[in-house]
N, C-alpha and C. Protein backbone atom coordinates (compact mmCIF):
# COMPACT_ATOMS: atom_id res chain seq x y z
N LYS A 1 -26.84 -6.07 41.09
CA LYS A 1 -26.22 -7.24 41.98
C LYS A 1 -27.77 -7.97 41.77
N GLY A 2 -28.88 -7.35 42.09
CA GLY A 2 -30.27 -8.10 41.80
C GLY A 2 -30.26 -8.70 40.70
N LYS A 3 -29.98 -7.93 39.48
CA LYS A 3 -30.44 -8.14 38.03
C LYS A 3 -29.32 -9.21 37.61
N GLU A 4 -28.20 -9.53 38.23
CA GLU A 4 -27.36 -10.79 37.93
C GLU A 4 -27.95 -11.97 38.73
N GLY A 5 -28.66 -11.71 39.46
CA GLY A 5 -28.74 -12.53 40.38
C GLY A 5 -30.54 -13.60 39.54
N GLU A 6 -31.04 -12.52 38.89
CA GLU A 6 -32.21 -12.83 37.93
C GLU A 6 -31.24 -13.72 37.02
N VAL A 7 -31.05 -13.64 36.22
CA VAL A 7 -29.81 -13.53 35.05
C VAL A 7 -29.62 -15.03 35.35
N ARG A 8 -28.83 -15.22 36.36
CA ARG A 8 -28.22 -16.54 36.88
C ARG A 8 -29.58 -17.68 37.18
N LEU A 9 -30.66 -16.93 38.05
CA LEU A 9 -31.74 -18.01 38.35
C LEU A 9 -32.17 -18.17 37.60
N LEU A 10 -32.91 -17.65 35.88
CA LEU A 10 -33.23 -17.47 34.86
C LEU A 10 -32.63 -18.77 34.32
N ASP A 11 -31.23 -19.00 34.06
CA ASP A 11 -30.21 -20.22 33.58
C ASP A 11 -30.66 -21.15 33.94
N ILE A 12 -30.67 -21.76 35.58
CA ILE A 12 -30.94 -22.71 36.29
C ILE A 12 -32.13 -23.12 36.40
N LEU A 13 -33.01 -22.26 36.34
CA LEU A 13 -34.64 -22.52 36.21
C LEU A 13 -34.58 -23.51 34.51
N ASN A 14 -34.03 -22.89 33.78
CA ASN A 14 -34.32 -23.43 32.64
C ASN A 14 -33.45 -25.15 32.61
N ASP A 15 -32.39 -25.02 33.20
CA ASP A 15 -31.75 -26.12 33.21
C ASP A 15 -32.57 -27.18 34.08
N LEU A 16 -32.84 -26.41 35.10
CA LEU A 16 -33.84 -27.53 36.19
C LEU A 16 -34.73 -28.47 35.95
N PHE A 17 -35.70 -27.18 34.50
CA PHE A 17 -37.41 -27.65 34.23
C PHE A 17 -37.10 -27.38 32.77
N PRO A 18 -36.29 -28.16 31.94
CA PRO A 18 -36.26 -28.22 30.47
C PRO A 18 -37.53 -28.28 30.10
N ASN A 19 -38.62 -29.15 30.76
CA ASN A 19 -40.05 -29.40 29.77
C ASN A 19 -41.15 -28.38 30.54
N ALA A 20 -40.63 -27.69 31.44
CA ALA A 20 -41.76 -26.54 31.96
C ALA A 20 -41.73 -24.98 31.12
N GLU A 21 -42.54 -24.70 31.70
CA GLU A 21 -42.49 -22.97 30.44
C GLU A 21 -42.19 -21.67 31.76
N ILE A 22 -40.91 -21.23 31.65
CA ILE A 22 -40.18 -20.23 32.38
C ILE A 22 -40.45 -18.96 31.90
N LYS A 23 -41.54 -17.83 32.60
CA LYS A 23 -41.84 -16.81 32.11
C LYS A 23 -40.98 -15.50 33.29
N ASP A 24 -40.32 -14.61 32.31
CA ASP A 24 -39.20 -13.62 33.36
C ASP A 24 -40.38 -12.54 33.48
N THR A 25 -40.89 -12.19 34.63
CA THR A 25 -42.34 -11.53 35.29
C THR A 25 -41.91 -10.33 35.74
N HIS A 26 -40.51 -10.07 36.16
CA HIS A 26 -39.73 -8.85 37.23
C HIS A 26 -40.02 -7.61 36.85
N LYS A 27 -40.60 -7.78 35.77
CA LYS A 27 -41.40 -6.21 35.08
C LYS A 27 -42.56 -6.03 35.33
N THR A 28 -43.54 -7.12 35.77
CA THR A 28 -44.71 -7.43 35.80
C THR A 28 -45.08 -7.25 37.33
N LYS A 29 -46.07 -6.35 37.71
CA LYS A 29 -46.37 -5.55 39.18
C LYS A 29 -46.85 -7.18 39.99
N ALA A 30 -46.49 -7.00 40.79
CA ALA A 30 -47.29 -8.35 41.95
C ALA A 30 -46.78 -9.92 41.23
N ASN A 31 -46.25 -9.99 40.08
CA ASN A 31 -45.77 -11.10 39.77
C ASN A 31 -44.36 -11.88 39.99
N GLY A 32 -43.40 -11.35 41.08
CA GLY A 32 -42.23 -12.03 41.40
C GLY A 32 -41.20 -11.80 40.61
N ASP A 33 -40.27 -12.51 40.13
CA ASP A 33 -39.47 -12.37 39.20
C ASP A 33 -39.49 -13.46 38.01
N PHE A 34 -39.90 -14.42 38.23
CA PHE A 34 -40.17 -15.22 37.57
C PHE A 34 -41.34 -15.95 37.77
N ARG A 35 -42.09 -16.86 36.24
CA ARG A 35 -43.28 -17.84 36.57
C ARG A 35 -43.02 -19.06 35.88
N ILE A 36 -42.99 -20.05 36.61
CA ILE A 36 -42.47 -21.34 36.42
C ILE A 36 -44.12 -22.20 35.89
N VAL A 37 -44.25 -22.75 34.96
CA VAL A 37 -45.97 -23.55 34.63
C VAL A 37 -45.41 -24.66 34.01
N ILE A 38 -45.91 -25.44 35.15
CA ILE A 38 -45.77 -27.30 35.29
C ILE A 38 -46.81 -27.74 35.03
N HIS A 39 -47.33 -28.34 34.50
CA HIS A 39 -48.58 -29.33 34.25
C HIS A 39 -50.04 -28.94 34.34
N GLY A 40 -49.61 -27.18 34.14
CA GLY A 40 -50.83 -26.19 34.42
C GLY A 40 -50.78 -25.29 35.30
N ILE A 41 -50.25 -26.08 36.24
CA ILE A 41 -49.61 -25.39 37.72
C ILE A 41 -48.66 -24.13 37.90
N GLN A 42 -49.05 -23.24 38.02
CA GLN A 42 -48.25 -21.83 38.24
C GLN A 42 -47.28 -21.75 39.09
N ILE A 43 -46.20 -21.28 39.04
CA ILE A 43 -45.68 -21.30 41.16
C ILE A 43 -44.60 -19.56 40.46
N LEU A 44 -45.23 -18.60 41.26
CA LEU A 44 -44.26 -17.78 41.39
C LEU A 44 -43.38 -17.90 42.49
N VAL A 45 -41.83 -17.42 41.43
CA VAL A 45 -40.58 -17.31 42.24
C VAL A 45 -40.01 -16.02 42.41
N GLU A 46 -39.80 -15.85 44.12
CA GLU A 46 -38.94 -14.54 43.82
C GLU A 46 -37.68 -14.71 44.59
N ASN A 47 -36.62 -14.15 43.51
CA ASN A 47 -35.37 -14.32 44.20
C ASN A 47 -34.65 -13.21 44.83
N LYS A 48 -34.04 -13.39 45.94
CA LYS A 48 -33.21 -12.10 46.57
C LYS A 48 -31.74 -13.00 46.35
N ASN A 49 -30.81 -11.74 46.34
CA ASN A 49 -29.41 -12.14 46.22
C ASN A 49 -29.41 -10.84 47.07
N PHE A 50 -29.41 -10.82 48.22
CA PHE A 50 -28.20 -9.91 49.37
C PHE A 50 -27.63 -10.48 50.38
N LYS A 51 -26.92 -9.55 50.92
CA LYS A 51 -25.69 -10.27 51.83
C LYS A 51 -26.19 -10.78 53.33
N ILE A 52 -27.37 -9.61 53.65
CA ILE A 52 -27.67 -10.36 54.57
C ILE A 52 -28.98 -11.30 54.72
N ASN A 53 -29.65 -11.06 55.63
CA ASN A 53 -30.77 -11.96 55.33
C ASN A 53 -32.43 -10.95 55.18
N VAL A 54 -32.70 -11.75 54.17
CA VAL A 54 -34.62 -11.20 53.41
C VAL A 54 -34.81 -10.03 54.66
N PRO A 55 -35.17 -9.11 54.77
CA PRO A 55 -35.67 -8.10 55.78
C PRO A 55 -37.32 -8.67 55.88
N LYS A 56 -38.34 -8.36 56.99
CA LYS A 56 -39.25 -8.70 56.88
C LYS A 56 -40.46 -8.26 55.61
N ARG A 57 -39.90 -7.02 55.56
CA ARG A 57 -40.37 -6.08 54.49
C ARG A 57 -40.83 -6.87 53.13
N ASP A 58 -39.99 -7.06 52.85
CA ASP A 58 -39.69 -8.09 51.62
C ASP A 58 -40.94 -9.53 51.75
N ILE A 59 -40.16 -10.20 52.80
CA ILE A 59 -41.18 -11.36 52.64
C ILE A 59 -43.06 -10.66 52.86
N GLU A 60 -43.25 -9.65 53.43
CA GLU A 60 -44.64 -9.64 53.36
C GLU A 60 -45.09 -8.74 51.82
N LYS A 61 -44.05 -8.27 51.28
CA LYS A 61 -44.63 -7.62 49.97
C LYS A 61 -44.72 -9.13 49.11
N PHE A 62 -43.76 -10.47 49.28
CA PHE A 62 -44.17 -11.29 48.75
C PHE A 62 -45.22 -12.20 48.96
N LYS A 63 -45.55 -12.31 50.10
CA LYS A 63 -46.80 -12.62 50.72
C LYS A 63 -48.20 -11.72 49.86
N ARG A 64 -48.01 -10.47 49.90
CA ARG A 64 -49.16 -9.90 49.03
C ARG A 64 -49.47 -10.43 47.70
N ASP A 65 -48.05 -10.33 47.05
CA ASP A 65 -48.19 -10.46 45.63
C ASP A 65 -48.72 -12.05 45.09
N ILE A 66 -48.19 -12.96 46.39
CA ILE A 66 -48.80 -14.31 46.50
C ILE A 66 -50.49 -14.54 46.20
N GLU A 67 -50.87 -13.33 47.25
CA GLU A 67 -52.48 -13.22 47.28
C GLU A 67 -53.19 -12.78 46.08
N ILE A 68 -52.38 -11.32 45.49
CA ILE A 68 -53.30 -10.70 44.35
C ILE A 68 -52.76 -11.58 43.19
N SER A 69 -52.04 -12.14 43.09
CA SER A 69 -51.40 -12.80 41.75
C SER A 69 -52.26 -14.18 41.55
N ASP A 70 -52.52 -14.47 40.15
CA ASP A 70 -53.26 -15.80 39.81
C ASP A 70 -52.38 -16.75 39.94
N CYS A 71 -51.45 -16.79 40.31
CA CYS A 71 -50.42 -18.02 40.91
C CYS A 71 -51.18 -18.92 41.53
N ASP A 72 -50.73 -19.91 41.44
CA ASP A 72 -51.35 -21.25 42.58
C ASP A 72 -50.46 -21.57 43.63
N CYS A 73 -49.37 -21.13 43.58
CA CYS A 73 -48.35 -21.04 45.06
C CYS A 73 -47.11 -20.37 44.09
N GLY A 74 -46.01 -20.63 45.49
CA GLY A 74 -44.98 -19.64 45.16
C GLY A 74 -43.31 -20.12 45.96
N ILE A 75 -42.42 -19.55 45.63
CA ILE A 75 -41.39 -19.69 46.31
C ILE A 75 -40.23 -18.18 46.63
N MET A 76 -39.75 -18.33 47.49
CA MET A 76 -39.18 -17.46 47.86
C MET A 76 -37.54 -18.00 47.78
N CYS A 77 -36.36 -17.14 47.17
CA CYS A 77 -35.41 -17.89 47.30
C CYS A 77 -34.23 -16.91 47.47
N SER A 78 -33.14 -16.84 48.51
CA SER A 78 -32.52 -16.23 48.84
C SER A 78 -31.13 -16.69 48.12
N GLU A 79 -30.46 -16.49 47.71
CA GLU A 79 -28.97 -16.77 47.29
C GLU A 79 -28.00 -17.15 47.79
N ASN A 80 -27.76 -15.71 48.70
CA ASN A 80 -26.34 -15.90 49.86
C ASN A 80 -26.71 -15.81 51.01
N SER A 81 -28.07 -15.58 51.47
CA SER A 81 -28.25 -15.70 52.86
C SER A 81 -29.76 -16.12 53.44
N GLY A 82 -29.70 -16.21 55.02
CA GLY A 82 -31.14 -16.23 55.60
C GLY A 82 -32.48 -15.77 54.74
N ILE A 83 -33.21 -16.15 55.79
CA ILE A 83 -34.70 -15.03 55.75
C ILE A 83 -35.38 -14.85 56.81
N ALA A 84 -35.23 -13.54 56.96
CA ALA A 84 -35.70 -13.60 58.78
C ALA A 84 -37.05 -14.44 58.87
N ASN A 85 -36.53 -15.16 60.38
CA ASN A 85 -37.96 -15.54 61.13
C ASN A 85 -37.73 -16.50 60.14
N LYS A 86 -37.43 -17.38 59.23
CA LYS A 86 -37.76 -18.70 58.47
C LYS A 86 -36.78 -19.24 58.57
N SER A 87 -37.15 -20.62 58.35
CA SER A 87 -36.14 -21.83 58.84
C SER A 87 -35.93 -22.04 57.12
N ASP A 88 -35.06 -22.79 56.54
CA ASP A 88 -34.40 -23.16 55.50
C ASP A 88 -35.42 -23.98 54.99
N PHE A 89 -36.37 -24.51 53.87
CA PHE A 89 -37.02 -24.98 53.34
C PHE A 89 -38.47 -25.03 54.06
N ASP A 90 -38.85 -23.78 54.83
CA ASP A 90 -39.87 -23.28 55.83
C ASP A 90 -41.05 -23.26 54.24
N ILE A 91 -42.62 -24.18 54.68
CA ILE A 91 -43.10 -23.95 54.20
C ILE A 91 -44.94 -23.04 54.97
N GLU A 92 -45.27 -22.06 54.51
CA GLU A 92 -46.24 -21.65 54.83
C GLU A 92 -47.69 -21.74 53.90
N ILE A 93 -48.70 -21.43 54.37
CA ILE A 93 -50.07 -21.12 53.80
C ILE A 93 -50.82 -19.60 53.83
N ILE A 94 -50.60 -19.21 52.64
CA ILE A 94 -50.50 -17.88 52.30
C ILE A 94 -52.38 -17.36 52.17
N GLY A 95 -52.94 -16.78 52.68
CA GLY A 95 -54.34 -15.86 52.64
C GLY A 95 -55.35 -16.87 52.08
N ASP A 96 -56.59 -16.59 52.09
CA ASP A 96 -58.02 -17.02 52.18
C ASP A 96 -58.10 -18.37 50.88
N THR A 97 -56.97 -17.98 49.88
CA THR A 97 -57.42 -19.38 48.68
C THR A 97 -56.10 -20.58 49.20
N GLU A 98 -55.73 -20.17 50.26
CA GLU A 98 -54.69 -21.54 51.07
C GLU A 98 -53.65 -21.86 50.15
N LYS A 99 -52.81 -20.40 49.36
CA LYS A 99 -51.87 -20.94 48.57
C LYS A 99 -50.26 -22.03 49.21
N PRO A 100 -49.95 -22.52 48.84
CA PRO A 100 -48.65 -23.25 49.81
C PRO A 100 -47.39 -22.04 48.93
N VAL A 101 -46.62 -21.97 50.21
CA VAL A 101 -45.06 -21.02 49.44
C VAL A 101 -43.92 -21.94 49.78
N PHE A 102 -43.01 -21.84 49.59
CA PHE A 102 -41.45 -22.16 50.34
C PHE A 102 -40.59 -21.18 50.37
N PHE A 103 -39.80 -21.25 51.63
CA PHE A 103 -38.68 -19.64 51.77
C PHE A 103 -37.72 -21.23 51.70
N LEU A 104 -36.82 -20.77 50.72
CA LEU A 104 -35.76 -21.49 50.69
C LEU A 104 -34.27 -20.47 50.66
N THR A 105 -33.18 -20.85 51.98
CA THR A 105 -32.40 -20.07 51.83
C THR A 105 -31.02 -20.77 51.34
N ASN A 106 -29.86 -20.05 51.23
CA ASN A 106 -28.87 -20.24 50.60
C ASN A 106 -29.14 -20.95 49.39
N THR A 107 -29.37 -20.89 48.02
CA THR A 107 -29.53 -21.50 46.82
C THR A 107 -28.71 -21.66 46.47
N ASN A 108 -27.93 -20.58 45.87
CA ASN A 108 -26.57 -20.52 45.75
C ASN A 108 -25.44 -21.65 45.51
N THR A 109 -25.48 -22.14 46.94
CA THR A 109 -24.68 -23.40 47.20
C THR A 109 -25.24 -24.81 47.11
N ASN A 110 -26.43 -24.61 46.57
CA ASN A 110 -27.43 -26.12 46.75
C ASN A 110 -28.82 -25.76 45.77
N ILE A 111 -28.56 -25.66 44.36
CA ILE A 111 -30.01 -25.24 43.46
C ILE A 111 -30.45 -26.36 43.67
N ASP A 112 -30.62 -27.39 44.13
CA ASP A 112 -31.53 -28.83 43.83
C ASP A 112 -32.45 -28.27 45.16
N LYS A 113 -32.54 -27.57 45.93
CA LYS A 113 -33.36 -27.00 46.58
C LYS A 113 -34.87 -26.69 45.87
N ILE A 114 -34.61 -25.64 45.11
CA ILE A 114 -35.53 -25.51 44.16
C ILE A 114 -36.65 -27.03 43.61
N LYS A 115 -35.39 -27.33 42.90
CA LYS A 115 -36.08 -28.81 42.43
C LYS A 115 -37.14 -29.66 43.06
N ILE A 116 -36.67 -29.60 44.66
CA ILE A 116 -37.49 -30.27 45.50
C ILE A 116 -38.47 -29.43 45.89
N ALA A 117 -38.32 -28.11 46.16
CA ALA A 117 -39.30 -27.31 46.36
C ALA A 117 -40.45 -27.64 44.90
N VAL A 118 -40.29 -27.13 44.00
CA VAL A 118 -41.35 -27.52 42.80
C VAL A 118 -41.80 -28.76 42.95
N SER A 119 -41.22 -30.00 43.13
CA SER A 119 -41.43 -31.27 43.05
C SER A 119 -42.92 -31.46 44.01
N ILE A 120 -42.73 -30.57 45.10
CA ILE A 120 -43.45 -30.51 46.46
C ILE A 120 -44.79 -29.97 46.06
N LEU A 121 -44.50 -28.57 45.65
CA LEU A 121 -45.25 -27.71 45.26
C LEU A 121 -46.55 -28.48 44.42
N VAL A 122 -45.97 -29.21 43.36
CA VAL A 122 -46.76 -29.89 42.65
C VAL A 122 -47.59 -30.78 42.74
N ASN A 123 -47.09 -32.06 43.57
CA ASN A 123 -47.55 -33.08 43.73
C ASN A 123 -48.54 -32.56 44.86
N ILE A 124 -48.58 -31.46 45.67
CA ILE A 124 -49.28 -31.02 46.76
C ILE A 124 -51.01 -30.50 45.70
N LEU A 125 -50.59 -29.67 44.87
CA LEU A 125 -51.67 -29.42 44.24
C LEU A 125 -52.43 -30.12 42.72
N GLU A 126 -51.51 -31.35 42.56
CA GLU A 126 -52.41 -32.07 41.51
C GLU A 126 -52.80 -33.14 42.00
N ASN A 127 -52.66 -33.17 43.62
CA ASN A 127 -52.93 -34.44 44.55
C ASN A 127 -54.43 -33.51 45.35
N LYS A 128 -53.96 -32.45 45.38
CA LYS A 128 -55.19 -31.84 45.97
C LYS A 128 -55.23 -32.12 47.56
N LEU A 129 -54.03 -32.04 48.27
CA LEU A 129 -53.99 -32.35 49.40
C LEU A 129 -54.47 -31.25 50.49
N ASP A 130 -54.90 -31.80 51.56
CA ASP A 130 -55.81 -30.78 52.74
C ASP A 130 -54.45 -30.61 53.62
N LEU A 131 -53.68 -29.21 53.41
CA LEU A 131 -52.82 -28.78 53.76
C LEU A 131 -53.36 -28.25 55.56
N HIS A 132 -53.58 -29.00 56.56
CA HIS A 132 -53.54 -29.10 57.64
C HIS A 132 -52.37 -29.14 58.40
N THR A 133 -52.54 -28.53 59.93
CA THR A 133 -51.01 -28.61 60.52
C THR A 133 -50.61 -29.44 60.80
N ASN A 134 -51.15 -30.89 60.38
CA ASN A 134 -50.05 -32.35 60.53
C ASN A 134 -49.92 -32.64 59.33
N THR A 135 -50.34 -32.24 57.87
CA THR A 135 -50.12 -32.57 56.92
C THR A 135 -48.63 -31.74 56.91
N LEU A 136 -48.87 -30.35 57.11
CA LEU A 136 -47.30 -29.76 56.70
C LEU A 136 -46.69 -30.28 57.91
N LEU A 137 -46.49 -30.31 58.96
CA LEU A 137 -45.39 -30.93 59.39
C LEU A 137 -44.66 -32.21 58.87
N ASP A 138 -45.61 -33.27 58.32
CA ASP A 138 -45.11 -33.98 57.80
C ASP A 138 -44.21 -33.45 56.62
N ILE A 139 -44.85 -32.82 55.67
CA ILE A 139 -44.12 -32.44 54.42
C ILE A 139 -42.89 -32.07 54.84
N LYS A 140 -42.66 -30.96 56.36
CA LYS A 140 -41.48 -30.30 56.61
C LYS A 140 -40.43 -31.62 57.28
N GLU A 141 -41.05 -32.48 57.25
CA GLU A 141 -40.22 -33.45 58.23
C GLU A 141 -39.51 -34.23 57.28
N GLN A 142 -40.16 -34.57 55.92
CA GLN A 142 -40.10 -35.00 54.83
C GLN A 142 -38.88 -34.51 53.69
N VAL A 143 -39.00 -33.01 54.11
CA VAL A 143 -38.11 -31.89 53.43
C VAL A 143 -36.62 -32.13 54.14
N LYS A 144 -36.78 -32.01 55.81
CA LYS A 144 -35.74 -31.97 56.10
C LYS A 144 -34.84 -33.71 55.60
N GLU A 145 -35.64 -34.69 55.66
CA GLU A 145 -34.85 -35.98 55.08
C GLU A 145 -34.34 -35.72 53.97
N CYS A 146 -34.79 -35.16 52.99
CA CYS A 146 -34.28 -34.95 51.51
C CYS A 146 -33.36 -33.54 51.43
N ASP A 147 -33.45 -33.19 52.08
CA ASP A 147 -32.11 -31.99 52.29
C ASP A 147 -30.60 -32.71 53.19
N THR A 148 -31.38 -33.34 53.72
CA THR A 148 -30.34 -34.45 54.49
C THR A 148 -29.59 -35.02 53.54
N MET A 149 -30.07 -36.12 53.01
CA MET A 149 -29.52 -36.90 51.49
C MET A 149 -29.01 -36.12 50.78
N LEU A 150 -29.40 -35.03 50.46
CA LEU A 150 -28.54 -34.14 49.27
C LEU A 150 -27.55 -33.64 49.91
N SER A 151 -27.55 -33.30 50.96
CA SER A 151 -26.18 -33.02 51.88
C SER A 151 -25.09 -33.91 51.55
N LEU A 152 -25.85 -35.20 51.95
CA LEU A 152 -24.41 -36.30 51.79
C LEU A 152 -24.18 -37.16 50.33
N TYR A 153 -25.36 -36.57 49.26
CA TYR A 153 -24.87 -36.63 47.99
C TYR A 153 -23.96 -35.70 47.45
N ASN A 154 -23.86 -34.37 47.67
CA ASN A 154 -22.83 -33.46 47.30
C ASN A 154 -21.87 -34.17 48.24
N SER A 155 -22.14 -34.12 49.68
CA SER A 155 -20.66 -34.26 50.45
C SER A 155 -19.78 -35.67 49.41
N ASN A 156 -20.35 -36.73 48.65
CA ASN A 156 -20.27 -38.02 48.08
C ASN A 156 -19.31 -37.51 47.14
N LYS A 157 -20.26 -36.86 46.15
CA LYS A 157 -19.74 -36.37 44.89
C LYS A 157 -18.66 -36.10 44.87
N LYS A 158 -18.34 -35.06 45.50
CA LYS A 158 -17.14 -34.13 46.22
C LYS A 158 -15.78 -34.98 46.12
N HIS A 159 -16.01 -35.83 47.11
CA HIS A 159 -15.25 -36.76 47.56
C HIS A 159 -14.79 -37.45 46.33
N MET A 160 -15.68 -38.06 45.50
CA MET A 160 -15.55 -38.77 44.51
C MET A 160 -14.99 -37.96 43.56
N GLU A 161 -15.03 -36.72 43.09
CA GLU A 161 -14.38 -35.58 42.22
C GLU A 161 -12.67 -35.89 42.72
N ILE A 162 -12.75 -35.83 43.88
CA ILE A 162 -11.21 -35.52 44.13
C ILE A 162 -10.43 -36.97 44.13
N LEU A 163 -10.95 -38.14 44.51
CA LEU A 163 -10.53 -39.22 44.33
C LEU A 163 -10.23 -39.70 42.72
N ASN A 164 -11.21 -39.32 42.05
CA ASN A 164 -10.76 -39.49 40.57
C ASN A 164 -10.40 -38.38 40.27
N ASN A 165 -10.20 -37.21 40.59
CA ASN A 165 -8.58 -36.27 40.15
C ASN A 165 -7.54 -37.03 40.81
N ASN A 166 -7.46 -37.71 42.18
CA ASN A 166 -6.11 -38.56 42.23
C ASN A 166 -5.61 -39.23 41.47
N ASN A 167 -6.65 -40.40 41.03
CA ASN A 167 -6.62 -41.43 40.20
C ASN A 167 -6.01 -41.03 38.97
N GLU A 168 -6.53 -39.91 38.44
CA GLU A 168 -6.00 -39.57 36.86
C GLU A 168 -4.22 -39.32 37.29
N THR A 169 -4.09 -38.56 38.50
CA THR A 169 -2.74 -38.26 38.75
C THR A 169 -1.96 -39.21 38.61
N LEU A 170 -2.06 -40.76 39.57
CA LEU A 170 -1.61 -41.65 39.59
C LEU A 170 -1.04 -42.34 38.57
N VAL A 171 -2.35 -42.15 37.39
CA VAL A 171 -1.93 -42.98 36.19
C VAL A 171 -1.00 -42.49 35.26
N VAL A 172 -1.40 -40.77 35.54
CA VAL A 172 -0.19 -40.58 34.91
C VAL A 172 1.36 -40.51 35.41
N SER A 173 1.24 -40.15 36.30
CA SER A 173 2.74 -40.56 36.92
C SER A 173 3.16 -42.06 36.55
N SER A 174 2.38 -42.80 37.13
CA SER A 174 2.63 -44.30 36.01
C SER A 174 3.43 -44.45 35.15
N ARG A 175 2.23 -43.70 34.12
CA ARG A 175 3.12 -43.97 32.68
C ARG A 175 4.47 -43.22 32.63
N ARG A 176 4.65 -42.29 33.44
CA ARG A 176 5.73 -41.35 33.10
C ARG A 176 6.85 -41.75 33.65
N ILE A 177 6.83 -42.50 34.67
CA ILE A 177 7.98 -43.33 35.27
C ILE A 177 7.83 -44.76 34.39
N LYS A 178 6.97 -45.37 33.77
CA LYS A 178 7.07 -46.75 32.99
C LYS A 178 7.92 -46.12 31.75
N PHE A 179 7.65 -45.09 31.40
CA PHE A 179 8.16 -44.36 30.05
C PHE A 179 9.70 -44.54 30.26
N ARG A 180 9.95 -43.99 31.03
CA ARG A 180 11.11 -43.47 31.87
C ARG A 180 12.32 -44.57 31.87
N LEU A 181 11.65 -45.38 32.49
CA LEU A 181 12.33 -47.14 32.50
C LEU A 181 12.30 -47.79 31.44
N GLU A 182 11.24 -47.89 30.52
CA GLU A 182 12.05 -48.47 29.25
C GLU A 182 12.77 -47.64 28.79
N LYS A 183 13.25 -46.51 28.54
CA LYS A 183 14.03 -45.60 27.65
C LYS A 183 15.21 -46.32 28.66
N ILE A 184 15.18 -45.83 29.46
CA ILE A 184 16.70 -46.43 30.33
C ILE A 184 17.29 -47.75 30.16
N ILE A 185 16.17 -48.80 29.90
CA ILE A 185 16.55 -50.03 29.74
C ILE A 185 17.27 -50.28 28.49
N THR A 186 15.97 -49.42 27.64
CA THR A 186 17.09 -49.69 26.04
C THR A 186 17.92 -49.09 26.18
N GLU A 187 18.28 -47.81 26.60
CA GLU A 187 19.74 -47.53 26.61
C GLU A 187 20.95 -48.00 27.02
N LEU A 188 20.71 -48.90 28.19
CA LEU A 188 21.23 -49.85 28.93
C LEU A 188 22.00 -51.12 27.94
N THR A 189 20.32 -51.58 27.42
CA THR A 189 20.52 -52.91 26.26
C THR A 189 21.62 -52.47 25.13
N ASN A 190 21.30 -51.49 24.80
CA ASN A 190 21.85 -51.04 23.33
C ASN A 190 23.53 -50.41 23.56
N GLN A 191 23.78 -50.35 24.65
CA GLN A 191 25.04 -49.62 25.34
C GLN A 191 25.90 -50.72 24.12
N PRO A 192 27.18 -50.51 23.74
CA PRO A 192 28.29 -50.91 23.39
C PRO A 192 29.13 -51.90 24.70
N GLU A 193 29.33 -52.98 24.43
CA GLU A 193 30.55 -53.83 25.34
C GLU A 193 31.44 -53.02 26.01
N GLU A 194 32.04 -52.46 25.01
CA GLU A 194 33.42 -51.82 25.86
C GLU A 194 32.69 -50.23 26.79
N ASN A 195 31.91 -49.98 26.01
CA ASN A 195 31.21 -48.45 27.51
C ASN A 195 30.87 -49.45 28.46
N THR A 196 30.11 -50.41 28.17
CA THR A 196 29.15 -50.76 29.46
C THR A 196 30.47 -51.39 29.95
N LYS A 197 31.42 -51.86 29.86
CA LYS A 197 32.89 -52.37 30.75
C LYS A 197 33.28 -51.09 31.67
N LYS A 198 33.47 -50.04 30.90
CA LYS A 198 34.04 -48.81 31.22
C LYS A 198 33.13 -48.10 32.37
N THR A 199 31.81 -48.72 32.32
CA THR A 199 31.02 -47.85 33.07
C THR A 199 30.74 -48.40 34.68
N LYS A 200 30.83 -49.82 34.51
CA LYS A 200 30.85 -50.75 35.31
C LYS A 200 32.26 -50.50 36.73
N GLU A 201 33.25 -50.23 35.88
CA GLU A 201 34.43 -50.13 36.41
C GLU A 201 35.20 -48.84 36.80
N ARG A 202 34.19 -47.72 36.80
CA ARG A 202 34.18 -46.96 37.46
C ARG A 202 33.87 -46.49 38.23
N CYS A 203 34.66 -45.58 39.29
CA CYS A 203 34.52 -45.35 40.64
C CYS A 203 33.37 -44.61 40.81
N GLU A 204 32.39 -45.10 41.70
CA GLU A 204 31.03 -43.91 41.90
C GLU A 204 31.76 -42.80 42.43
N TYR A 205 32.50 -42.75 43.34
CA TYR A 205 33.26 -41.19 43.81
C TYR A 205 34.09 -40.51 43.12
N CYS A 206 34.80 -40.80 42.21
CA CYS A 206 36.05 -40.83 41.67
C CYS A 206 35.48 -40.54 40.00
N SER A 207 34.69 -41.58 39.89
CA SER A 207 34.68 -41.90 38.25
C SER A 207 35.80 -42.04 37.98
C-alpha cells in the first residue's frame, strides 16, 4: 500500500511541478520519499498512506530526517488520514537550522495543497523571511484563506461539471425530439390524399 502511494505521489509531483527536479529518495536513509528541487531549494517530501492518523513515532522520525538531511525544508503528506496532534496545513520550524516544514492531511482529495505548501516554502526561503511567532501565525492565517478559496473553487468546479453534463443531455434530447418531429411532419406531408382522409375519418376508439 505504501508503494502504491509513492507511485501515485511521484506522478502527482511531476504533474504539479513540470519545471522542477523530482528525485525518488525512498531508498536513501533519512531522505524521505521524494526530493523536490525548485530554484535551488531542496524540499524533502514524506508521504504516508495510512487508514489511521499518522502516529507520533512517524512524525518524530520525519523531524529527525529533516534535521540531519541537507534539505532546506520539508512536507509530510498524509493521503487519506490526519496527522497526530497536527492540524491541516500546520507549519513548524525544525532544529537549530530552523527548517520550515508543512504537515498536510488528506492530500488525496485535494492535491493542490501540495502546490500551495511548496510555493509558500520556496517564497519563505527565497525571501529569507524571519520565521518568528507572528510571521508563522500570519502564514497560517493566509494558508487557511487559500484553503477556503480552494474548497470553494473545487465545489464550483464540481457544480459546473454537473451543469455542463445536464446541458449536454438537454441538447441531445432536443436534437432527438426535433429529428423525430421533422420525420413525423415529413411523413404526414407526403401521405397520399386518400390515406390522409381515411386517417381523419377513423374513430380513435374503434378505428
